Structures are given as C-alpha cells and as structure tokens.
Amino acid sequence: RSLISQLGPWIFSSTIPQIRALLTLPTQTGESRTLRVSFRDGRPLFQAEIKPSANPGELDSHVFDSLEAFAHFLRLGKSSYTGSIDENMLARVDLQKQDATYESCSTNIEYNLLANLWPEASLTFDSVVRATGWQYIWTYQGLVEKE
C-alpha cells in the first residue's frame, strides 16, 4: 500500500481509494496515448485517448479563453480546497510550482465512471493540457471552515 492511501483518510478527513494510472507512450511523435485510471482491484475509473492537437498553441475550452489564460490561472493559484467528510470543513492544499510549457491536446473520452455514477450532474470533460518543464510541490495546510 502506498503511504498517501494509508495517511489520506487521516490527513484529508476523507477516504482516498488507491488508484493506478497508466499512460501508454507513443512509439512515434504525433501518435496517440491512452490514459487508463483504475482502482487497485482492476475496476475502471477513467480512460481516454490523448493525442497532440493540430493546433497545440490553441486551447478549445469552456473554462479558459486561451492557453495563455490557462497558464495565467495556474501562475496565480496557490491554494486549493476540497471537501472533507466533515460537511462544515474544507481541506486546504497549497501549491508551489515552477513555470511550465503548455500544449493543448486532442482527447477522446472512452470511459468515465463519474459520469456514469452521476448522470444528473451533466459532467463535462473540458480539455487536456500537456505540461513540460514543470515541478509541483503540494503542502497540506489543514482544515478550514466553510463560509
């Protein structure tokens, strides 16, 4: 068992099931990759085919107007919040990062368990961005009250 799956429920006050992620590497430049995420028992969680975009400098996103807007958003971000099992609290995680180079990708979602579990939520997969030349360091900052 990994350390985060053992400490996750205590740190984040929530269960974090172990998952396995596998990203196939293309044999040639420009070929697609398959991203498979599954639970440790083999049940699938998510699968997508990812390939370089015909226009890697342009982002087709409902959230960000451009790839530059996406990069700007990441540069501004420091703290992230997520729910916890205590419905009145949020877990805070701070991010320290070095700048990266970003390229948009073309994606075909083949399986998404969350969309199957919550069809009424109308989940939408927005976009995939490939980051190179980066380093991210996450630091858990404890629980904070929801306002």
N, C-alpha and C. Protein backbone atom coordinates (compact mmCIF):
# COMPACT_ATOMS: atom_id res chain seq x y z
N ARG A 1 0.84 -1.20 0.00
CA ARG A 1 0.00 0.00 0.00
C ARG A 1 0.87 1.24 0.00
N SER A 2 0.41 2.27 -0.70
CA SER A 2 1.19 3.50 -0.75
C SER A 2 0.93 4.32 0.51
N LEU A 3 1.89 5.17 0.84
CA LEU A 3 1.80 5.99 2.04
C LEU A 3 0.60 6.93 2.00
N ILE A 4 0.34 7.55 0.83
CA ILE A 4 -0.77 8.51 0.75
C ILE A 4 -2.12 7.82 0.95
N SER A 5 -2.27 6.57 0.46
CA SER A 5 -3.55 5.90 0.66
C SER A 5 -3.74 5.50 2.13
N GLN A 6 -2.64 5.31 2.84
CA GLN A 6 -2.75 4.98 4.26
C GLN A 6 -3.01 6.22 5.10
N LEU A 7 -2.34 7.33 4.76
CA LEU A 7 -2.47 8.56 5.54
C LEU A 7 -3.58 9.48 5.03
N GLY A 8 -4.01 9.29 3.78
CA GLY A 8 -5.02 10.16 3.17
C GLY A 8 -6.27 10.34 3.99
N PRO A 9 -6.90 9.25 4.45
CA PRO A 9 -8.13 9.44 5.24
C PRO A 9 -7.90 10.27 6.51
N TRP A 10 -6.75 10.14 7.11
CA TRP A 10 -6.46 10.92 8.32
C TRP A 10 -6.16 12.37 7.95
N ILE A 11 -5.33 12.58 6.94
CA ILE A 11 -4.91 13.93 6.56
C ILE A 11 -6.09 14.74 6.01
N PHE A 12 -6.83 14.15 5.08
CA PHE A 12 -7.90 14.89 4.41
C PHE A 12 -9.26 14.67 5.04
N SER A 13 -9.34 13.90 6.11
CA SER A 13 -10.61 13.58 6.77
C SER A 13 -11.61 13.00 5.77
N SER A 14 -11.11 12.17 4.89
CA SER A 14 -11.94 11.53 3.88
C SER A 14 -11.21 10.30 3.36
N THR A 15 -11.95 9.37 2.77
CA THR A 15 -11.30 8.20 2.20
C THR A 15 -10.72 8.54 0.84
N ILE A 16 -9.57 7.99 0.55
CA ILE A 16 -8.93 8.15 -0.75
C ILE A 16 -8.60 6.75 -1.25
N PRO A 17 -9.46 6.18 -2.10
CA PRO A 17 -9.16 4.83 -2.57
C PRO A 17 -7.92 4.85 -3.45
N GLN A 18 -7.14 3.79 -3.35
CA GLN A 18 -5.95 3.71 -4.19
C GLN A 18 -6.38 3.51 -5.63
N ILE A 19 -5.68 4.20 -6.52
CA ILE A 19 -5.92 4.03 -7.94
C ILE A 19 -4.59 3.78 -8.62
N ARG A 20 -4.67 3.26 -9.81
CA ARG A 20 -3.49 3.06 -10.66
C ARG A 20 -3.73 3.82 -11.94
N ALA A 21 -2.73 4.56 -12.37
CA ALA A 21 -2.82 5.28 -13.64
C ALA A 21 -1.74 4.75 -14.57
N LEU A 22 -2.11 4.55 -15.81
CA LEU A 22 -1.18 4.06 -16.81
C LEU A 22 -1.32 4.93 -18.04
N LEU A 23 -0.24 5.53 -18.46
CA LEU A 23 -0.21 6.34 -19.67
C LEU A 23 0.69 5.64 -20.66
N THR A 24 0.12 5.14 -21.74
CA THR A 24 0.94 4.47 -22.74
C THR A 24 1.76 5.51 -23.49
N LEU A 25 2.97 5.16 -23.79
CA LEU A 25 3.84 6.07 -24.53
C LEU A 25 3.75 5.79 -26.02
N PRO A 26 3.68 6.83 -26.83
CA PRO A 26 3.61 6.61 -28.27
C PRO A 26 4.95 6.11 -28.78
N THR A 27 4.91 5.28 -29.82
CA THR A 27 6.16 4.79 -30.40
C THR A 27 6.75 5.81 -31.35
N GLN A 28 5.93 6.72 -31.86
CA GLN A 28 6.41 7.77 -32.76
C GLN A 28 5.77 9.10 -32.37
N THR A 29 6.46 10.18 -32.68
CA THR A 29 5.93 11.51 -32.41
C THR A 29 4.61 11.69 -33.16
N GLY A 30 3.64 12.26 -32.49
CA GLY A 30 2.35 12.52 -33.11
C GLY A 30 1.33 11.43 -32.92
N GLU A 31 1.75 10.27 -32.41
CA GLU A 31 0.80 9.18 -32.17
C GLU A 31 0.02 9.44 -30.89
N SER A 32 -1.09 8.74 -30.78
CA SER A 32 -1.93 8.92 -29.59
C SER A 32 -1.40 8.11 -28.42
N ARG A 33 -1.83 8.50 -27.23
CA ARG A 33 -1.55 7.79 -25.99
C ARG A 33 -2.89 7.41 -25.39
N THR A 34 -2.88 6.39 -24.56
CA THR A 34 -4.09 6.02 -23.84
C THR A 34 -3.82 6.23 -22.36
N LEU A 35 -4.70 6.96 -21.71
CA LEU A 35 -4.63 7.15 -20.27
C LEU A 35 -5.69 6.27 -19.65
N ARG A 36 -5.26 5.32 -18.81
CA ARG A 36 -6.18 4.44 -18.10
C ARG A 36 -6.00 4.65 -16.61
N VAL A 37 -7.09 4.90 -15.91
CA VAL A 37 -7.08 5.04 -14.46
C VAL A 37 -8.04 4.00 -13.92
N SER A 38 -7.56 3.18 -12.99
CA SER A 38 -8.42 2.14 -12.43
C SER A 38 -8.16 2.02 -10.94
N PHE A 39 -9.14 1.41 -10.26
CA PHE A 39 -8.95 1.10 -8.85
C PHE A 39 -7.98 -0.06 -8.75
N ARG A 40 -7.41 -0.27 -7.58
CA ARG A 40 -6.41 -1.33 -7.38
C ARG A 40 -6.97 -2.72 -7.71
N ASP A 41 -8.29 -2.89 -7.57
CA ASP A 41 -8.87 -4.20 -7.86
C ASP A 41 -9.15 -4.38 -9.36
N GLY A 42 -8.78 -3.40 -10.18
CA GLY A 42 -8.92 -3.51 -11.62
C GLY A 42 -10.17 -2.85 -12.19
N ARG A 43 -11.12 -2.46 -11.33
CA ARG A 43 -12.31 -1.78 -11.84
C ARG A 43 -11.91 -0.47 -12.50
N PRO A 44 -12.42 -0.20 -13.72
CA PRO A 44 -12.03 1.04 -14.42
C PRO A 44 -12.67 2.27 -13.80
N LEU A 45 -11.93 3.37 -13.80
CA LEU A 45 -12.42 4.66 -13.33
C LEU A 45 -12.54 5.64 -14.50
N PHE A 46 -11.52 5.66 -15.37
CA PHE A 46 -11.47 6.64 -16.45
C PHE A 46 -10.54 6.12 -17.54
N GLN A 47 -10.89 6.37 -18.79
CA GLN A 47 -9.99 6.03 -19.89
C GLN A 47 -10.19 7.02 -21.01
N ALA A 48 -9.09 7.49 -21.59
CA ALA A 48 -9.16 8.45 -22.69
C ALA A 48 -8.00 8.23 -23.65
N GLU A 49 -8.26 8.53 -24.90
CA GLU A 49 -7.20 8.57 -25.91
C GLU A 49 -6.77 10.03 -26.03
N ILE A 50 -5.47 10.27 -25.92
CA ILE A 50 -4.93 11.63 -25.96
C ILE A 50 -3.90 11.69 -27.08
N LYS A 51 -4.00 12.71 -27.91
CA LYS A 51 -3.02 12.88 -28.98
C LYS A 51 -2.71 14.36 -29.15
N PRO A 52 -1.57 14.66 -29.76
CA PRO A 52 -1.23 16.06 -29.97
C PRO A 52 -2.32 16.76 -30.78
N SER A 53 -2.59 17.98 -30.43
CA SER A 53 -3.57 18.79 -31.14
C SER A 53 -2.99 19.26 -32.47
N ALA A 54 -3.86 19.45 -33.44
CA ALA A 54 -3.42 20.03 -34.70
C ALA A 54 -2.93 21.46 -34.50
N ASN A 55 -3.45 22.12 -33.44
CA ASN A 55 -3.06 23.49 -33.08
C ASN A 55 -2.67 23.50 -31.61
N PRO A 56 -1.45 23.04 -31.25
CA PRO A 56 -1.08 22.91 -29.83
C PRO A 56 -1.04 24.22 -29.05
N GLY A 57 -1.00 25.36 -29.73
CA GLY A 57 -0.99 26.65 -29.05
C GLY A 57 -2.37 27.22 -28.81
N GLU A 58 -3.42 26.52 -29.28
CA GLU A 58 -4.79 26.98 -29.12
C GLU A 58 -5.55 26.01 -28.23
N LEU A 59 -6.26 26.53 -27.25
CA LEU A 59 -7.00 25.70 -26.30
C LEU A 59 -8.49 25.78 -26.59
N ASP A 60 -9.13 24.63 -26.82
CA ASP A 60 -10.57 24.56 -27.00
C ASP A 60 -11.19 24.23 -25.65
N SER A 61 -11.60 25.26 -24.92
CA SER A 61 -12.04 25.10 -23.54
C SER A 61 -13.27 25.96 -23.28
N HIS A 62 -14.15 25.44 -22.44
CA HIS A 62 -15.30 26.22 -21.99
C HIS A 62 -14.94 27.06 -20.77
N VAL A 63 -13.82 26.74 -20.14
CA VAL A 63 -13.40 27.41 -18.90
C VAL A 63 -12.42 28.54 -19.18
N PHE A 64 -11.47 28.31 -20.08
CA PHE A 64 -10.42 29.29 -20.36
C PHE A 64 -10.53 29.79 -21.80
N ASP A 65 -10.32 31.09 -21.98
CA ASP A 65 -10.41 31.68 -23.32
C ASP A 65 -9.23 31.31 -24.21
N SER A 66 -8.10 30.97 -23.59
CA SER A 66 -6.90 30.67 -24.37
C SER A 66 -5.92 29.86 -23.52
N LEU A 67 -4.90 29.34 -24.16
CA LEU A 67 -3.85 28.63 -23.44
C LEU A 67 -3.11 29.59 -22.50
N GLU A 68 -2.96 30.84 -22.93
CA GLU A 68 -2.32 31.84 -22.08
C GLU A 68 -3.16 32.11 -20.83
N ALA A 69 -4.48 32.13 -20.97
CA ALA A 69 -5.37 32.33 -19.82
C ALA A 69 -5.25 31.16 -18.85
N PHE A 70 -5.13 29.95 -19.38
CA PHE A 70 -4.93 28.76 -18.54
C PHE A 70 -3.63 28.88 -17.77
N ALA A 71 -2.52 29.22 -18.46
CA ALA A 71 -1.22 29.36 -17.81
C ALA A 71 -1.25 30.47 -16.76
N HIS A 72 -1.92 31.57 -17.07
CA HIS A 72 -2.05 32.69 -16.12
C HIS A 72 -2.79 32.24 -14.87
N PHE A 73 -3.88 31.50 -15.05
CA PHE A 73 -4.65 30.96 -13.93
C PHE A 73 -3.77 30.09 -13.03
N LEU A 74 -2.96 29.22 -13.62
CA LEU A 74 -2.09 28.37 -12.82
C LEU A 74 -1.01 29.17 -12.09
N ARG A 75 -0.50 30.21 -12.74
CA ARG A 75 0.52 31.05 -12.08
C ARG A 75 -0.06 31.78 -10.87
N LEU A 76 -1.33 32.17 -10.95
CA LEU A 76 -1.96 32.90 -9.85
C LEU A 76 -2.34 31.99 -8.69
N GLY A 77 -2.57 30.73 -8.99
CA GLY A 77 -3.07 29.82 -7.97
C GLY A 77 -2.02 29.46 -6.95
N LYS A 78 -2.44 29.40 -5.70
CA LYS A 78 -1.57 28.92 -4.65
C LYS A 78 -2.30 27.91 -3.78
N SER A 79 -3.53 28.19 -3.42
CA SER A 79 -4.28 27.31 -2.54
C SER A 79 -5.43 26.64 -3.28
N SER A 80 -5.63 25.37 -2.96
CA SER A 80 -6.77 24.63 -3.47
C SER A 80 -7.56 24.11 -2.28
N TYR A 81 -8.85 23.98 -2.46
CA TYR A 81 -9.72 23.49 -1.40
C TYR A 81 -10.54 22.32 -1.92
N THR A 82 -10.75 21.35 -1.07
CA THR A 82 -11.56 20.19 -1.43
C THR A 82 -12.44 19.82 -0.24
N GLY A 83 -13.53 19.14 -0.52
CA GLY A 83 -14.43 18.75 0.55
C GLY A 83 -13.80 17.71 1.48
N SER A 84 -14.35 17.61 2.66
CA SER A 84 -13.90 16.60 3.63
C SER A 84 -15.14 15.89 4.15
N ILE A 85 -14.94 14.83 4.93
CA ILE A 85 -16.10 14.12 5.45
C ILE A 85 -16.86 14.94 6.48
N ASP A 86 -16.21 15.95 7.04
CA ASP A 86 -16.91 16.92 7.91
C ASP A 86 -17.53 17.94 6.98
N GLU A 87 -18.86 17.91 6.83
CA GLU A 87 -19.52 18.76 5.83
C GLU A 87 -19.37 20.25 6.07
N ASN A 88 -18.89 20.66 7.23
CA ASN A 88 -18.69 22.08 7.51
C ASN A 88 -17.24 22.54 7.28
N MET A 89 -16.39 21.61 6.80
CA MET A 89 -14.96 21.92 6.65
C MET A 89 -14.49 21.64 5.22
N LEU A 90 -13.41 22.33 4.84
CA LEU A 90 -12.71 22.09 3.59
C LEU A 90 -11.25 21.80 3.91
N ALA A 91 -10.61 20.91 3.14
CA ALA A 91 -9.18 20.68 3.28
C ALA A 91 -8.45 21.66 2.36
N ARG A 92 -7.40 22.31 2.87
CA ARG A 92 -6.62 23.28 2.10
C ARG A 92 -5.27 22.68 1.75
N VAL A 93 -4.91 22.78 0.47
CA VAL A 93 -3.62 22.31 -0.01
C VAL A 93 -2.98 23.45 -0.79
N ASP A 94 -1.76 23.82 -0.43
CA ASP A 94 -1.04 24.88 -1.13
C ASP A 94 -0.13 24.29 -2.19
N LEU A 95 0.02 25.01 -3.28
CA LEU A 95 0.82 24.57 -4.41
C LEU A 95 1.96 25.54 -4.66
N GLN A 96 3.16 25.00 -4.73
CA GLN A 96 4.33 25.76 -5.16
C GLN A 96 4.77 25.15 -6.48
N LYS A 97 5.03 25.98 -7.47
CA LYS A 97 5.34 25.44 -8.78
C LYS A 97 6.35 26.28 -9.54
N GLN A 98 7.02 25.61 -10.45
CA GLN A 98 7.88 26.29 -11.40
C GLN A 98 7.09 26.39 -12.70
N ASP A 99 7.35 27.44 -13.48
CA ASP A 99 6.63 27.60 -14.73
C ASP A 99 6.89 26.43 -15.67
N ALA A 100 5.90 26.18 -16.50
CA ALA A 100 5.95 25.08 -17.44
C ALA A 100 5.63 25.59 -18.83
N THR A 101 5.85 24.74 -19.80
CA THR A 101 5.41 24.99 -21.16
C THR A 101 4.14 24.17 -21.36
N TYR A 102 3.10 24.78 -21.91
CA TYR A 102 1.82 24.11 -22.05
C TYR A 102 1.45 23.93 -23.52
N GLU A 103 0.89 22.74 -23.83
CA GLU A 103 0.40 22.44 -25.17
C GLU A 103 -0.98 21.81 -25.03
N SER A 104 -1.93 22.26 -25.85
CA SER A 104 -3.25 21.63 -25.82
C SER A 104 -3.19 20.28 -26.53
N CYS A 105 -4.08 19.39 -26.14
CA CYS A 105 -4.15 18.06 -26.73
C CYS A 105 -5.57 17.79 -27.22
N SER A 106 -5.67 16.87 -28.14
CA SER A 106 -6.97 16.39 -28.62
C SER A 106 -7.31 15.14 -27.81
N THR A 107 -8.56 15.02 -27.35
CA THR A 107 -8.92 13.94 -26.44
C THR A 107 -10.24 13.29 -26.84
N ASN A 108 -10.26 11.97 -26.71
CA ASN A 108 -11.48 11.20 -26.90
C ASN A 108 -11.72 10.40 -25.61
N ILE A 109 -12.77 10.73 -24.86
CA ILE A 109 -13.08 10.03 -23.61
C ILE A 109 -13.74 8.69 -23.97
N GLU A 110 -13.12 7.61 -23.52
CA GLU A 110 -13.64 6.29 -23.81
C GLU A 110 -14.46 5.74 -22.64
N TYR A 111 -14.16 6.15 -21.41
CA TYR A 111 -14.90 5.68 -20.24
C TYR A 111 -14.71 6.68 -19.11
N ASN A 112 -15.80 7.00 -18.40
CA ASN A 112 -15.73 7.92 -17.28
C ASN A 112 -16.73 7.46 -16.22
N LEU A 113 -16.26 6.77 -15.20
CA LEU A 113 -17.14 6.23 -14.16
C LEU A 113 -17.95 7.32 -13.48
N LEU A 114 -17.35 8.48 -13.22
CA LEU A 114 -18.07 9.55 -12.53
C LEU A 114 -19.29 10.00 -13.32
N ALA A 115 -19.16 10.11 -14.63
CA ALA A 115 -20.29 10.50 -15.46
C ALA A 115 -21.38 9.43 -15.42
N ASN A 116 -20.96 8.16 -15.30
CA ASN A 116 -21.94 7.07 -15.21
C ASN A 116 -22.62 7.06 -13.85
N LEU A 117 -21.88 7.37 -12.78
CA LEU A 117 -22.45 7.37 -11.44
C LEU A 117 -23.38 8.55 -11.19
N TRP A 118 -23.08 9.69 -11.79
CA TRP A 118 -23.85 10.91 -11.55
C TRP A 118 -24.37 11.50 -12.87
N PRO A 119 -25.23 10.80 -13.59
CA PRO A 119 -25.69 11.33 -14.88
C PRO A 119 -26.47 12.64 -14.74
N GLU A 120 -27.14 12.83 -13.61
CA GLU A 120 -27.91 14.06 -13.41
C GLU A 120 -27.02 15.28 -13.23
N ALA A 121 -25.74 15.07 -12.94
CA ALA A 121 -24.82 16.19 -12.76
C ALA A 121 -24.37 16.79 -14.09
N SER A 122 -24.61 16.10 -15.19
CA SER A 122 -24.20 16.56 -16.53
C SER A 122 -22.73 16.97 -16.54
N LEU A 123 -21.87 16.08 -16.05
CA LEU A 123 -20.43 16.36 -16.03
C LEU A 123 -19.92 16.56 -17.45
N THR A 124 -19.05 17.53 -17.62
CA THR A 124 -18.47 17.82 -18.92
C THR A 124 -16.96 17.78 -18.81
N PHE A 125 -16.32 17.01 -19.68
CA PHE A 125 -14.87 16.98 -19.73
C PHE A 125 -14.44 18.18 -20.56
N ASP A 126 -13.62 19.07 -19.98
CA ASP A 126 -13.30 20.32 -20.64
C ASP A 126 -12.16 20.20 -21.63
N SER A 127 -10.98 19.86 -21.17
CA SER A 127 -9.82 19.88 -22.07
C SER A 127 -8.64 19.17 -21.41
N VAL A 128 -7.63 18.89 -22.24
CA VAL A 128 -6.37 18.32 -21.74
C VAL A 128 -5.25 19.25 -22.17
N VAL A 129 -4.39 19.55 -21.22
CA VAL A 129 -3.21 20.38 -21.49
C VAL A 129 -1.99 19.60 -21.03
N ARG A 130 -1.01 19.50 -21.88
CA ARG A 130 0.25 18.82 -21.54
C ARG A 130 1.23 19.86 -21.03
N ALA A 131 1.80 19.58 -19.87
CA ALA A 131 2.78 20.48 -19.27
C ALA A 131 4.15 19.81 -19.32
N THR A 132 5.15 20.57 -19.73
CA THR A 132 6.53 20.06 -19.72
C THR A 132 7.41 21.08 -19.01
N GLY A 133 8.51 20.61 -18.45
CA GLY A 133 9.45 21.50 -17.78
C GLY A 133 8.92 22.07 -16.48
N TRP A 134 8.16 21.30 -15.72
CA TRP A 134 7.50 21.79 -14.52
C TRP A 134 7.93 21.02 -13.30
N GLN A 135 7.62 21.61 -12.16
CA GLN A 135 7.76 20.92 -10.88
C GLN A 135 6.68 21.47 -9.96
N TYR A 136 5.86 20.57 -9.40
CA TYR A 136 4.81 20.95 -8.47
C TYR A 136 5.09 20.36 -7.10
N ILE A 137 4.89 21.15 -6.06
CA ILE A 137 5.03 20.68 -4.69
C ILE A 137 3.76 21.06 -3.94
N TRP A 138 3.01 20.03 -3.47
CA TRP A 138 1.78 20.24 -2.72
C TRP A 138 2.08 20.16 -1.23
N THR A 139 1.51 21.06 -0.45
CA THR A 139 1.68 21.06 1.01
C THR A 139 0.31 21.13 1.66
N TYR A 140 -0.02 20.11 2.46
CA TYR A 140 -1.30 20.08 3.15
C TYR A 140 -1.30 21.13 4.25
N GLN A 141 -2.36 21.97 4.31
CA GLN A 141 -2.43 23.08 5.25
C GLN A 141 -3.54 22.92 6.30
N GLY A 142 -4.17 21.77 6.37
CA GLY A 142 -5.19 21.54 7.38
C GLY A 142 -6.60 21.81 6.89
N LEU A 143 -7.53 21.78 7.81
CA LEU A 143 -8.94 22.00 7.51
C LEU A 143 -9.33 23.44 7.83
N VAL A 144 -10.23 23.98 7.03
CA VAL A 144 -10.77 25.33 7.26
C VAL A 144 -12.30 25.23 7.21
N GLU A 145 -12.97 26.11 7.92
CA GLU A 145 -14.42 26.11 7.94
C GLU A 145 -14.97 26.65 6.63
N LYS A 146 -16.07 26.03 6.17
CA LYS A 146 -16.77 26.58 5.01
C LYS A 146 -17.45 27.87 5.44
N GLU A 147 -17.52 28.81 4.54
CA GLU A 147 -18.20 30.08 4.86
C GLU A 147 -19.55 30.14 4.22
